[in-house]
Amino acid sequence: SLLIGFICVNTSAWTDYSAYSYFQIVTMCDLVMILFFYLIHIFRIYRKLTCVSWPLAEFLHYLIGTILLLIASIVAASRSYNFSGLVAGATFGFLATVLCVLSIWSSYKVSCVTQSTSK
């Protein structure tokens, strides 16, 4: 949904350059970081780099990324002026925000609840 929101905003007519460039920067940075953590998990790099608390790093990434994505989606929605591409981009931004909140909740549940029951 981040990629679709980025494409919708990128291909539509802009009315406020700073608002939409901020939306694009936030969506692409968030997408790159999600792919980074995905690759960390696929290749099990977290087992080799034990100096980093990976659950905490992932939690902080999702928390900060979700807050920035929510702000960017609100700004994009308020500046869309009924342009369909911008409205669609803001909608997919809100959808990605909800998905990131669900990811924060599941990450917390897996890391914290699993650790507390294993003691």
PDB file of N, CA and C in Angstrom:
ATOM      1  N   SER A   1       0.821  -1.193   0.000  1.00  0.00           N
ATOM      2  CA  SER A   1       0.000   0.000   0.000  1.00  0.00           C
ATOM      3  C   SER A   1       0.868   1.261   0.000  1.00  0.00           C
ATOM      4  N   LEU A   2       2.070   1.162   0.575  1.00  0.00           N
ATOM      5  CA  LEU A   2       2.977   2.312   0.507  1.00  0.00           C
ATOM      6  C   LEU A   2       3.401   2.609  -0.930  1.00  0.00           C
ATOM      7  N   LEU A   3       3.723   1.570  -1.656  1.00  0.00           N
ATOM      8  CA  LEU A   3       4.144   1.749  -3.043  1.00  0.00           C
ATOM      9  C   LEU A   3       2.996   2.280  -3.906  1.00  0.00           C
ATOM     10  N   ILE A   4       1.801   1.777  -3.709  1.00  0.00           N
ATOM     11  CA  ILE A   4       0.650   2.245  -4.484  1.00  0.00           C
ATOM     12  C   ILE A   4       0.347   3.703  -4.146  1.00  0.00           C
ATOM     13  N   GLY A   5       0.418   4.055  -2.854  1.00  0.00           N
ATOM     14  CA  GLY A   5       0.216   5.457  -2.472  1.00  0.00           C
ATOM     15  C   GLY A   5       1.259   6.370  -3.082  1.00  0.00           C
ATOM     16  N   PHE A   6       2.514   5.921  -3.109  1.00  0.00           N
ATOM     17  CA  PHE A   6       3.582   6.702  -3.726  1.00  0.00           C
ATOM     18  C   PHE A   6       3.319   6.909  -5.217  1.00  0.00           C
ATOM     19  N   ILE A   7       2.933   5.849  -5.896  1.00  0.00           N
ATOM     20  CA  ILE A   7       2.680   5.947  -7.337  1.00  0.00           C
ATOM     21  C   ILE A   7       1.493   6.858  -7.626  1.00  0.00           C
ATOM     22  N   CYS A   8       0.433   6.761  -6.829  1.00  0.00           N
ATOM     23  CA  CYS A   8      -0.738   7.622  -7.033  1.00  0.00           C
ATOM     24  C   CYS A   8      -0.383   9.094  -6.882  1.00  0.00           C
ATOM     25  N   VAL A   9       0.382   9.427  -5.865  1.00  0.00           N
ATOM     26  CA  VAL A   9       0.762  10.822  -5.646  1.00  0.00           C
ATOM     27  C   VAL A   9       1.754  11.279  -6.705  1.00  0.00           C
ATOM     28  N   ASN A  10       2.652  10.405  -7.115  1.00  0.00           N
ATOM     29  CA  ASN A  10       3.673  10.778  -8.090  1.00  0.00           C
ATOM     30  C   ASN A  10       3.082  11.062  -9.469  1.00  0.00           C
ATOM     31  N   THR A  11       2.029  10.352  -9.847  1.00  0.00           N
ATOM     32  CA  THR A  11       1.477  10.508 -11.189  1.00  0.00           C
ATOM     33  C   THR A  11       0.352  11.525 -11.277  1.00  0.00           C
ATOM     34  N   SER A  12      -0.095  12.087 -10.164  1.00  0.00           N
ATOM     35  CA  SER A  12      -1.195  13.052 -10.221  1.00  0.00           C
ATOM     36  C   SER A  12      -0.675  14.480 -10.275  1.00  0.00           C
ATOM     37  N   ALA A  13      -1.592  15.392 -10.564  1.00  0.00           N
ATOM     38  CA  ALA A  13      -1.230  16.811 -10.605  1.00  0.00           C
ATOM     39  C   ALA A  13      -1.079  17.329  -9.182  1.00  0.00           C
ATOM     40  N   TRP A  14      -0.004  18.057  -8.919  1.00  0.00           N
ATOM     41  CA  TRP A  14       0.274  18.541  -7.573  1.00  0.00           C
ATOM     42  C   TRP A  14      -0.239  19.969  -7.413  1.00  0.00           C
ATOM     43  N   THR A  15      -0.772  20.240  -6.247  1.00  0.00           N
ATOM     44  CA  THR A  15      -1.178  21.611  -5.931  1.00  0.00           C
ATOM     45  C   THR A  15      -0.263  22.238  -4.892  1.00  0.00           C
ATOM     46  N   ASP A  16       0.409  21.423  -4.120  1.00  0.00           N
ATOM     47  CA  ASP A  16       1.327  21.902  -3.086  1.00  0.00           C
ATOM     48  C   ASP A  16       2.559  21.000  -3.111  1.00  0.00           C
ATOM     49  N   TYR A  17       3.646  21.519  -3.630  1.00  0.00           N
ATOM     50  CA  TYR A  17       4.843  20.705  -3.840  1.00  0.00           C
ATOM     51  C   TYR A  17       5.400  20.151  -2.538  1.00  0.00           C
ATOM     52  N   SER A  18       5.474  20.962  -1.496  1.00  0.00           N
ATOM     53  CA  SER A  18       6.109  20.519  -0.252  1.00  0.00           C
ATOM     54  C   SER A  18       5.311  19.418   0.431  1.00  0.00           C
ATOM     55  N   ALA A  19       3.985  19.482   0.389  1.00  0.00           N
ATOM     56  CA  ALA A  19       3.152  18.468   1.043  1.00  0.00           C
ATOM     57  C   ALA A  19       3.314  17.116   0.360  1.00  0.00           C
ATOM     58  N   TYR A  20       3.317  17.097  -0.950  1.00  0.00           N
ATOM     59  CA  TYR A  20       3.382  15.822  -1.664  1.00  0.00           C
ATOM     60  C   TYR A  20       4.792  15.263  -1.723  1.00  0.00           C
ATOM     61  N   SER A  21       5.779  16.128  -1.750  1.00  0.00           N
ATOM     62  CA  SER A  21       7.153  15.606  -1.692  1.00  0.00           C
ATOM     63  C   SER A  21       7.427  15.020  -0.314  1.00  0.00           C
ATOM     64  N   TYR A  22       6.855  15.612   0.737  1.00  0.00           N
ATOM     65  CA  TYR A  22       6.990  15.042   2.079  1.00  0.00           C
ATOM     66  C   TYR A  22       6.310  13.669   2.129  1.00  0.00           C
ATOM     67  N   PHE A  23       5.134  13.550   1.535  1.00  0.00           N
ATOM     68  CA  PHE A  23       4.431  12.266   1.490  1.00  0.00           C
ATOM     69  C   PHE A  23       5.265  11.222   0.760  1.00  0.00           C
ATOM     70  N   GLN A  24       5.865  11.606  -0.352  1.00  0.00           N
ATOM     71  CA  GLN A  24       6.685  10.669  -1.109  1.00  0.00           C
ATOM     72  C   GLN A  24       7.933  10.249  -0.339  1.00  0.00           C
ATOM     73  N   ILE A  25       8.574  11.183   0.320  1.00  0.00           N
ATOM     74  CA  ILE A  25       9.779  10.854   1.088  1.00  0.00           C
ATOM     75  C   ILE A  25       9.445   9.904   2.233  1.00  0.00           C
ATOM     76  N   VAL A  26       8.359  10.181   2.941  1.00  0.00           N
ATOM     77  CA  VAL A  26       7.976   9.327   4.071  1.00  0.00           C
ATOM     78  C   VAL A  26       7.605   7.929   3.591  1.00  0.00           C
ATOM     79  N   THR A  27       6.838   7.823   2.512  1.00  0.00           N
ATOM     80  CA  THR A  27       6.436   6.494   2.035  1.00  0.00           C
ATOM     81  C   THR A  27       7.631   5.693   1.544  1.00  0.00           C
ATOM     82  N   MET A  28       8.534   6.329   0.819  1.00  0.00           N
ATOM     83  CA  MET A  28       9.687   5.574   0.318  1.00  0.00           C
ATOM     84  C   MET A  28      10.660   5.202   1.434  1.00  0.00           C
ATOM     85  N   CYS A  29      10.905   6.098   2.385  1.00  0.00           N
ATOM     86  CA  CYS A  29      11.783   5.751   3.505  1.00  0.00           C
ATOM     87  C   CYS A  29      11.183   4.635   4.341  1.00  0.00           C
ATOM     88  N   ASP A  30       9.879   4.692   4.569  1.00  0.00           N
ATOM     89  CA  ASP A  30       9.208   3.647   5.331  1.00  0.00           C
ATOM     90  C   ASP A  30       9.262   2.317   4.589  1.00  0.00           C
ATOM     91  N   LEU A  31       9.056   2.346   3.293  1.00  0.00           N
ATOM     92  CA  LEU A  31       9.111   1.126   2.495  1.00  0.00           C
ATOM     93  C   LEU A  31      10.514   0.524   2.484  1.00  0.00           C
ATOM     94  N   VAL A  32      11.528   1.354   2.353  1.00  0.00           N
ATOM     95  CA  VAL A  32      12.903   0.862   2.355  1.00  0.00           C
ATOM     96  C   VAL A  32      13.256   0.240   3.701  1.00  0.00           C
ATOM     97  N   MET A  33      12.825   0.876   4.784  1.00  0.00           N
ATOM     98  CA  MET A  33      13.115   0.323   6.112  1.00  0.00           C
ATOM     99  C   MET A  33      12.360  -0.979   6.366  1.00  0.00           C
ATOM    100  N   ILE A  34      11.140  -1.086   5.888  1.00  0.00           N
ATOM    101  CA  ILE A  34      10.383  -2.343   6.020  1.00  0.00           C
ATOM    102  C   ILE A  34      11.083  -3.452   5.244  1.00  0.00           C
ATOM    103  N   LEU A  35      11.547  -3.135   4.041  1.00  0.00           N
ATOM    104  CA  LEU A  35      12.273  -4.138   3.261  1.00  0.00           C
ATOM    105  C   LEU A  35      13.601  -4.499   3.929  1.00  0.00           C
ATOM    106  N   PHE A  36      14.247  -3.543   4.564  1.00  0.00           N
ATOM    107  CA  PHE A  36      15.491  -3.795   5.291  1.00  0.00           C
ATOM    108  C   PHE A  36      15.255  -4.801   6.424  1.00  0.00           C
ATOM    109  N   PHE A  37      14.230  -4.564   7.233  1.00  0.00           N
ATOM    110  CA  PHE A  37      13.940  -5.492   8.323  1.00  0.00           C
ATOM    111  C   PHE A  37      13.460  -6.844   7.796  1.00  0.00           C
ATOM    112  N   TYR A  38      12.784  -6.831   6.680  1.00  0.00           N
ATOM    113  CA  TYR A  38      12.352  -8.082   6.054  1.00  0.00           C
ATOM    114  C   TYR A  38      13.569  -8.922   5.635  1.00  0.00           C
ATOM    115  N   LEU A  39      14.550  -8.276   5.028  1.00  0.00           N
ATOM    116  CA  LEU A  39      15.767  -8.988   4.629  1.00  0.00           C
ATOM    117  C   LEU A  39      16.565  -9.472   5.840  1.00  0.00           C
ATOM    118  N   ILE A  40      16.559  -8.686   6.912  1.00  0.00           N
ATOM    119  CA  ILE A  40      17.224  -9.108   8.153  1.00  0.00           C
ATOM    120  C   ILE A  40      16.616 -10.413   8.654  1.00  0.00           C
ATOM    121  N   HIS A  41      15.286 -10.504   8.583  1.00  0.00           N
ATOM    122  CA  HIS A  41      14.613 -11.712   9.056  1.00  0.00           C
ATOM    123  C   HIS A  41      14.777 -12.882   8.084  1.00  0.00           C
ATOM    124  N   ILE A  42      14.743 -12.612   6.796  1.00  0.00           N
ATOM    125  CA  ILE A  42      14.864 -13.702   5.816  1.00  0.00           C
ATOM    126  C   ILE A  42      16.238 -14.366   5.911  1.00  0.00           C
ATOM    127  N   PHE A  43      17.281 -13.561   5.947  1.00  0.00           N
ATOM    128  CA  PHE A  43      18.629 -14.108   5.964  1.00  0.00           C
ATOM    129  C   PHE A  43      19.149 -14.366   7.380  1.00  0.00           C
ATOM    130  N   ARG A  44      18.314 -14.160   8.382  1.00  0.00           N
ATOM    131  CA  ARG A  44      18.635 -14.413   9.799  1.00  0.00           C
ATOM    132  C   ARG A  44      19.916 -13.690  10.234  1.00  0.00           C
ATOM    133  N   ILE A  45      20.047 -12.463   9.798  1.00  0.00           N
ATOM    134  CA  ILE A  45      21.203 -11.646  10.165  1.00  0.00           C
ATOM    135  C   ILE A  45      21.152 -11.281  11.641  1.00  0.00           C
ATOM    136  N   TYR A  46      19.950 -11.239  12.204  1.00  0.00           N
ATOM    137  CA  TYR A  46      19.808 -10.880  13.609  1.00  0.00           C
ATOM    138  C   TYR A  46      20.508 -11.884  14.533  1.00  0.00           C
ATOM    139  N   ARG A  47      20.752 -13.098  14.072  1.00  0.00           N
ATOM    140  CA  ARG A  47      21.468 -14.082  14.886  1.00  0.00           C
ATOM    141  C   ARG A  47      22.965 -13.779  14.954  1.00  0.00           C
ATOM    142  N   LYS A  48      23.494 -13.162  13.900  1.00  0.00           N
ATOM    143  CA  LYS A  48      24.920 -12.841  13.861  1.00  0.00           C
ATOM    144  C   LYS A  48      25.229 -11.514  14.545  1.00  0.00           C
ATOM    145  N   LEU A  49      24.310 -10.575  14.466  1.00  0.00           N
ATOM    146  CA  LEU A  49      24.510  -9.257  15.079  1.00  0.00           C
ATOM    147  C   LEU A  49      23.744  -9.191  16.395  1.00  0.00           C
ATOM    148  N   THR A  50      24.325  -9.733  17.418  1.00  0.00           N
ATOM    149  CA  THR A  50      23.640  -9.789  18.709  1.00  0.00           C
ATOM    150  C   THR A  50      23.784  -8.512  19.521  1.00  0.00           C
ATOM    151  N   CYS A  51      24.587  -7.573  19.063  1.00  0.00           N
ATOM    152  CA  CYS A  51      24.770  -6.325  19.800  1.00  0.00           C
ATOM    153  C   CYS A  51      23.567  -5.385  19.637  1.00  0.00           C
ATOM    154  N   VAL A  52      22.690  -5.673  18.690  1.00  0.00           N
ATOM    155  CA  VAL A  52      21.518  -4.849  18.436  1.00  0.00           C
ATOM    156  C   VAL A  52      20.287  -5.580  18.958  1.00  0.00           C
ATOM    157  N   SER A  53      19.450  -4.864  19.675  1.00  0.00           N
ATOM    158  CA  SER A  53      18.179  -5.429  20.111  1.00  0.00           C
ATOM    159  C   SER A  53      17.196  -5.291  18.943  1.00  0.00           C
ATOM    160  N   TRP A  54      17.058  -6.339  18.149  1.00  0.00           N
ATOM    161  CA  TRP A  54      16.255  -6.266  16.934  1.00  0.00           C
ATOM    162  C   TRP A  54      14.771  -6.054  17.195  1.00  0.00           C
ATOM    163  N   PRO A  55      14.174  -6.682  18.204  1.00  0.00           N
ATOM    164  CA  PRO A  55      12.767  -6.373  18.463  1.00  0.00           C
ATOM    165  C   PRO A  55      12.538  -4.906  18.827  1.00  0.00           C
ATOM    166  N   LEU A  56      13.464  -4.336  19.607  1.00  0.00           N
ATOM    167  CA  LEU A  56      13.339  -2.923  19.963  1.00  0.00           C
ATOM    168  C   LEU A  56      13.551  -2.028  18.747  1.00  0.00           C
ATOM    169  N   ALA A  57      14.529  -2.351  17.920  1.00  0.00           N
ATOM    170  CA  ALA A  57      14.787  -1.557  16.711  1.00  0.00           C
ATOM    171  C   ALA A  57      13.591  -1.603  15.768  1.00  0.00           C
ATOM    172  N   GLU A  58      13.016  -2.782  15.607  1.00  0.00           N
ATOM    173  CA  GLU A  58      11.852  -2.905  14.733  1.00  0.00           C
ATOM    174  C   GLU A  58      10.643  -2.178  15.309  1.00  0.00           C
ATOM    175  N   PHE A  59      10.463  -2.259  16.617  1.00  0.00           N
ATOM    176  CA  PHE A  59       9.357  -1.561  17.266  1.00  0.00           C
ATOM    177  C   PHE A  59       9.497  -0.052  17.099  1.00  0.00           C
ATOM    178  N   LEU A  60      10.693   0.482  17.339  1.00  0.00           N
ATOM    179  CA  LEU A  60      10.907   1.922  17.187  1.00  0.00           C
ATOM    180  C   LEU A  60      10.753   2.374  15.745  1.00  0.00           C
ATOM    181  N   HIS A  61      11.207   1.551  14.808  1.00  0.00           N
ATOM    182  CA  HIS A  61      11.033   1.895  13.402  1.00  0.00           C
ATOM    183  C   HIS A  61       9.565   2.007  13.044  1.00  0.00           C
ATOM    184  N   TYR A  62       8.787   0.995  13.439  1.00  0.00           N
ATOM    185  CA  TYR A  62       7.365   1.024  13.119  1.00  0.00           C
ATOM    186  C   TYR A  62       6.654   2.161  13.833  1.00  0.00           C
ATOM    187  N   LEU A  63       7.035   2.456  15.063  1.00  0.00           N
ATOM    188  CA  LEU A  63       6.391   3.534  15.802  1.00  0.00           C
ATOM    189  C   LEU A  63       6.652   4.889  15.150  1.00  0.00           C
ATOM    190  N   ILE A  64       7.911   5.182  14.872  1.00  0.00           N
ATOM    191  CA  ILE A  64       8.260   6.465  14.250  1.00  0.00           C
ATOM    192  C   ILE A  64       7.709   6.549  12.832  1.00  0.00           C
ATOM    193  N   GLY A  65       7.849   5.452  12.076  1.00  0.00           N
ATOM    194  CA  GLY A  65       7.324   5.440  10.707  1.00  0.00           C
ATOM    195  C   GLY A  65       5.818   5.602  10.644  1.00  0.00           C
ATOM    196  N   THR A  66       5.107   5.025  11.593  1.00  0.00           N
ATOM    197  CA  THR A  66       3.651   5.141  11.615  1.00  0.00           C
ATOM    198  C   THR A  66       3.221   6.557  11.926  1.00  0.00           C
ATOM    199  N   ILE A  67       3.890   7.185  12.878  1.00  0.00           N
ATOM    200  CA  ILE A  67       3.544   8.575  13.216  1.00  0.00           C
ATOM    201  C   ILE A  67       3.820   9.502  12.037  1.00  0.00           C
ATOM    202  N   LEU A  68       4.984   9.343  11.402  1.00  0.00           N
ATOM    203  CA  LEU A  68       5.297  10.185  10.238  1.00  0.00           C
ATOM    204  C   LEU A  68       4.353   9.917   9.072  1.00  0.00           C
ATOM    205  N   LEU A  69       3.975   8.654   8.878  1.00  0.00           N
ATOM    206  CA  LEU A  69       3.055   8.304   7.796  1.00  0.00           C
ATOM    207  C   LEU A  69       1.662   8.860   8.050  1.00  0.00           C
ATOM    208  N   LEU A  70       1.223   8.837   9.289  1.00  0.00           N
ATOM    209  CA  LEU A  70      -0.073   9.423   9.625  1.00  0.00           C
ATOM    210  C   LEU A  70      -0.080  10.923   9.357  1.00  0.00           C
ATOM    211  N   ILE A  71       0.987  11.609   9.759  1.00  0.00           N
ATOM    212  CA  ILE A  71       1.091  13.051   9.509  1.00  0.00           C
ATOM    213  C   ILE A  71       1.111  13.330   8.011  1.00  0.00           C
ATOM    214  N   ALA A  72       1.893  12.554   7.253  1.00  0.00           N
ATOM    215  CA  ALA A  72       1.986  12.761   5.804  1.00  0.00           C
ATOM    216  C   ALA A  72       0.643  12.493   5.122  1.00  0.00           C
ATOM    217  N   SER A  73      -0.084  11.495   5.570  1.00  0.00           N
ATOM    218  CA  SER A  73      -1.386  11.184   4.970  1.00  0.00           C
ATOM    219  C   SER A  73      -2.411  12.270   5.277  1.00  0.00           C
ATOM    220  N   ILE A  74      -2.374  12.795   6.500  1.00  0.00           N
ATOM    221  CA  ILE A  74      -3.290  13.885   6.844  1.00  0.00           C
ATOM    222  C   ILE A  74      -2.993  15.119   6.008  1.00  0.00           C
ATOM    223  N   VAL A  75      -1.715  15.447   5.861  1.00  0.00           N
ATOM    224  CA  VAL A  75      -1.338  16.613   5.055  1.00  0.00           C
ATOM    225  C   VAL A  75      -1.721  16.399   3.597  1.00  0.00           C
ATOM    226  N   ALA A  76      -1.470  15.211   3.060  1.00  0.00           N
ATOM    227  CA  ALA A  76      -1.825  14.934   1.657  1.00  0.00           C
ATOM    228  C   ALA A  76      -3.334  14.965   1.459  1.00  0.00           C
ATOM    229  N   ALA A  77      -4.091  14.463   2.417  1.00  0.00           N
ATOM    230  CA  ALA A  77      -5.544  14.478   2.287  1.00  0.00           C
ATOM    231  C   ALA A  77      -6.100  15.899   2.377  1.00  0.00           C
ATOM    232  N   SER A  78      -5.504  16.714   3.222  1.00  0.00           N
ATOM    233  CA  SER A  78      -6.003  18.091   3.358  1.00  0.00           C
ATOM    234  C   SER A  78      -5.635  18.964   2.167  1.00  0.00           C
ATOM    235  N   ARG A  79      -4.592  18.606   1.441  1.00  0.00           N
ATOM    236  CA  ARG A  79      -4.151  19.402   0.286  1.00  0.00           C
ATOM    237  C   ARG A  79      -4.574  18.820  -1.058  1.00  0.00           C
ATOM    238  N   SER A  80      -5.421  17.795  -1.067  1.00  0.00           N
ATOM    239  CA  SER A  80      -5.709  17.096  -2.325  1.00  0.00           C
ATOM    240  C   SER A  80      -6.638  17.863  -3.255  1.00  0.00           C
ATOM    241  N   TYR A  81      -7.529  18.702  -2.752  1.00  0.00           N
ATOM    242  CA  TYR A  81      -8.421  19.517  -3.567  1.00  0.00           C
ATOM    243  C   TYR A  81      -9.177  18.710  -4.618  1.00  0.00           C
ATOM    244  N   ASN A  82      -9.652  17.538  -4.250  1.00  0.00           N
ATOM    245  CA  ASN A  82     -10.466  16.658  -5.092  1.00  0.00           C
ATOM    246  C   ASN A  82      -9.744  16.126  -6.329  1.00  0.00           C
ATOM    247  N   PHE A  83      -8.420  16.109  -6.326  1.00  0.00           N
ATOM    248  CA  PHE A  83      -7.690  15.423  -7.383  1.00  0.00           C
ATOM    249  C   PHE A  83      -7.697  13.942  -7.036  1.00  0.00           C
ATOM    250  N   SER A  84      -8.170  13.116  -7.955  1.00  0.00           N
ATOM    251  CA  SER A  84      -8.402  11.703  -7.635  1.00  0.00           C
ATOM    252  C   SER A  84      -7.114  10.950  -7.283  1.00  0.00           C
ATOM    253  N   GLY A  85      -6.024  11.251  -7.947  1.00  0.00           N
ATOM    254  CA  GLY A  85      -4.770  10.576  -7.649  1.00  0.00           C
ATOM    255  C   GLY A  85      -4.258  10.910  -6.252  1.00  0.00           C
ATOM    256  N   LEU A  86      -4.428  12.160  -5.854  1.00  0.00           N
ATOM    257  CA  LEU A  86      -3.974  12.567  -4.530  1.00  0.00           C
ATOM    258  C   LEU A  86      -4.867  12.006  -3.437  1.00  0.00           C
ATOM    259  N   VAL A  87      -6.163  11.953  -3.700  1.00  0.00           N
ATOM    260  CA  VAL A  87      -7.085  11.351  -2.735  1.00  0.00           C
ATOM    261  C   VAL A  87      -6.765   9.862  -2.586  1.00  0.00           C
ATOM    262  N   ALA A  88      -6.495   9.182  -3.700  1.00  0.00           N
ATOM    263  CA  ALA A  88      -6.147   7.758  -3.642  1.00  0.00           C
ATOM    264  C   ALA A  88      -4.824   7.557  -2.905  1.00  0.00           C
ATOM    265  N   GLY A  89      -3.843   8.412  -3.141  1.00  0.00           N
ATOM    266  CA  GLY A  89      -2.567   8.305  -2.444  1.00  0.00           C
ATOM    267  C   GLY A  89      -2.730   8.487  -0.944  1.00  0.00           C
ATOM    268  N   ALA A  90      -3.540   9.478  -0.542  1.00  0.00           N
ATOM    269  CA  ALA A  90      -3.785   9.692   0.887  1.00  0.00           C
ATOM    270  C   ALA A  90      -4.541   8.517   1.491  1.00  0.00           C
ATOM    271  N   THR A  91      -5.477   7.941   0.737  1.00  0.00           N
ATOM    272  CA  THR A  91      -6.228   6.781   1.227  1.00  0.00           C
ATOM    273  C   THR A  91      -5.301   5.592   1.447  1.00  0.00           C
ATOM    274  N   PHE A  92      -4.426   5.338   0.493  1.00  0.00           N
ATOM    275  CA  PHE A  92      -3.464   4.245   0.674  1.00  0.00           C
ATOM    276  C   PHE A  92      -2.460   4.561   1.785  1.00  0.00           C
ATOM    277  N   GLY A  93      -2.183   5.828   2.011  1.00  0.00           N
ATOM    278  CA  GLY A  93      -1.342   6.214   3.143  1.00  0.00           C
ATOM    279  C   GLY A  93      -2.020   5.893   4.474  1.00  0.00           C
ATOM    280  N   PHE A  94      -3.324   6.176   4.568  1.00  0.00           N
ATOM    281  CA  PHE A  94      -4.064   5.820   5.782  1.00  0.00           C
ATOM    282  C   PHE A  94      -4.144   4.310   5.957  1.00  0.00           C
ATOM    283  N   LEU A  95      -4.312   3.587   4.848  1.00  0.00           N
ATOM    284  CA  LEU A  95      -4.337   2.123   4.922  1.00  0.00           C
ATOM    285  C   LEU A  95      -2.985   1.591   5.410  1.00  0.00           C
ATOM    286  N   ALA A  96      -1.904   2.147   4.909  1.00  0.00           N
ATOM    287  CA  ALA A  96      -0.575   1.737   5.353  1.00  0.00           C
ATOM    288  C   ALA A  96      -0.360   2.078   6.820  1.00  0.00           C
ATOM    289  N   THR A  97      -0.939   3.185   7.283  1.00  0.00           N
ATOM    290  CA  THR A  97      -0.846   3.542   8.692  1.00  0.00           C
ATOM    291  C   THR A  97      -1.523   2.492   9.562  1.00  0.00           C
ATOM    292  N   VAL A  98      -2.703   2.062   9.149  1.00  0.00           N
ATOM    293  CA  VAL A  98      -3.423   1.024   9.896  1.00  0.00           C
ATOM    294  C   VAL A  98      -2.624  -0.282   9.891  1.00  0.00           C
ATOM    295  N   LEU A  99      -2.050  -0.625   8.751  1.00  0.00           N
ATOM    296  CA  LEU A  99      -1.249  -1.848   8.677  1.00  0.00           C
ATOM    297  C   LEU A  99       0.007  -1.756   9.546  1.00  0.00           C
ATOM    298  N   CYS A 100       0.609  -0.585   9.622  1.00  0.00           N
ATOM    299  CA  CYS A 100       1.778  -0.410  10.487  1.00  0.00           C
ATOM    300  C   CYS A 100       1.387  -0.505  11.962  1.00  0.00           C
ATOM    301  N   VAL A 101       0.214   0.004  12.326  1.00  0.00           N
ATOM    302  CA  VAL A 101      -0.253  -0.133  13.708  1.00  0.00           C
ATOM    303  C   VAL A 101      -0.471  -1.602  14.035  1.00  0.00           C
ATOM    304  N   LEU A 102      -1.046  -2.353  13.099  1.00  0.00           N
ATOM    305  CA  LEU A 102      -1.212  -3.791  13.316  1.00  0.00           C
ATOM    306  C   LEU A 102       0.138  -4.494  13.429  1.00  0.00           C
ATOM    307  N   SER A 103       1.111  -4.049  12.677  1.00  0.00           N
ATOM    308  CA  SER A 103       2.441  -4.629  12.758  1.00  0.00           C
ATOM    309  C   SER A 103       3.097  -4.299  14.092  1.00  0.00           C
ATOM    310  N   ILE A 104       2.904  -3.085  14.605  1.00  0.00           N
ATOM    311  CA  ILE A 104       3.429  -2.728  15.924  1.00  0.00           C
ATOM    312  C   ILE A 104       2.806  -3.631  16.978  1.00  0.00           C
ATOM    313  N   TRP A 105       1.509  -3.815  16.910  1.00  0.00           N
ATOM    314  CA  TRP A 105       0.806  -4.640  17.892  1.00  0.00           C
ATOM    315  C   TRP A 105       1.278  -6.087  17.833  1.00  0.00           C
ATOM    316  N   SER A 106       1.415  -6.628  16.621  1.00  0.00           N
ATOM    317  CA  SER A 106       1.862  -8.022  16.518  1.00  0.00           C
ATOM    318  C   SER A 106       3.326  -8.168  16.928  1.00  0.00           C
ATOM    319  N   SER A 107       4.163  -7.188  16.626  1.00  0.00           N
ATOM    320  CA  SER A 107       5.561  -7.222  17.036  1.00  0.00           C
ATOM    321  C   SER A 107       5.673  -7.168  18.558  1.00  0.00           C
ATOM    322  N   TYR A 108       4.875  -6.330  19.179  1.00  0.00           N
ATOM    323  CA  TYR A 108       4.866  -6.251  20.636  1.00  0.00           C
ATOM    324  C   TYR A 108       4.381  -7.565  21.232  1.00  0.00           C
ATOM    325  N   LYS A 109       3.340  -8.105  20.659  1.00  0.00           N
ATOM    326  CA  LYS A 109       2.769  -9.335  21.194  1.00  0.00           C
ATOM    327  C   LYS A 109       3.759 -10.493  21.073  1.00  0.00           C
ATOM    328  N   VAL A 110       4.455 -10.581  19.960  1.00  0.00           N
ATOM    329  CA  VAL A 110       5.412 -11.670  19.759  1.00  0.00           C
ATOM    330  C   VAL A 110       6.624 -11.504  20.666  1.00  0.00           C
ATOM    331  N   SER A 111       7.192 -10.291  20.734  1.00  0.00           N
ATOM    332  CA  SER A 111       8.440 -10.109  21.482  1.00  0.00           C
ATOM    333  C   SER A 111       8.215 -10.013  22.988  1.00  0.00           C
ATOM    334  N   CYS A 112       7.262  -9.237  23.425  1.00  0.00           N
ATOM    335  CA  CYS A 112       7.096  -9.005  24.868  1.00  0.00           C
ATOM    336  C   CYS A 112       6.280 -10.096  25.540  1.00  0.00           C
ATOM    337  N   VAL A 113       5.188 -10.514  24.956  1.00  0.00           N
ATOM    338  CA  VAL A 113       4.341 -11.509  25.592  1.00  0.00           C
ATOM    339  C   VAL A 113       5.032 -12.869  25.574  1.00  0.00           C
ATOM    340  N   THR A 114       5.732 -13.181  24.501  1.00  0.00           N
ATOM    341  CA  THR A 114       6.448 -14.451  24.427  1.00  0.00           C
ATOM    342  C   THR A 114       7.575 -14.498  25.451  1.00  0.00           C
ATOM    343  N   GLN A 115       8.284 -13.393  25.641  1.00  0.00           N
ATOM    344  CA  GLN A 115       9.370 -13.364  26.615  1.00  0.00           C
ATOM    345  C   GLN A 115       8.852 -13.449  28.043  1.00  0.00           C
ATOM    346  N   SER A 116       7.709 -12.828  28.311  1.00  0.00           N
ATOM    347  CA  SER A 116       7.196 -12.850  29.682  1.00  0.00           C
ATOM    348  C   SER A 116       6.635 -14.220  30.050  1.00  0.00           C
ATOM    349  N   THR A 117       6.122 -14.974  29.084  1.00  0.00           N
ATOM    350  CA  THR A 117       5.594 -16.297  29.394  1.00  0.00           C
ATOM    351  C   THR A 117       6.693 -17.365  29.431  1.00  0.00           C
ATOM    352  N   SER A 118       7.845 -17.067  28.845  1.00  0.00           N
ATOM    353  CA  SER A 118       8.909 -18.060  28.831  1.00  0.00           C
ATOM    354  C   SER A 118       9.737 -18.057  30.110  1.00  0.00           C
ATOM    355  N   LYS A 119       9.575 -17.073  30.965  1.00  0.00           N
ATOM    356  CA  LYS A 119      10.372 -16.985  32.209  1.00  0.00           C
ATOM    357  C   LYS A 119       9.883 -17.912  33.260  1.00  0.00           C
TER     358      LYS A 119
END
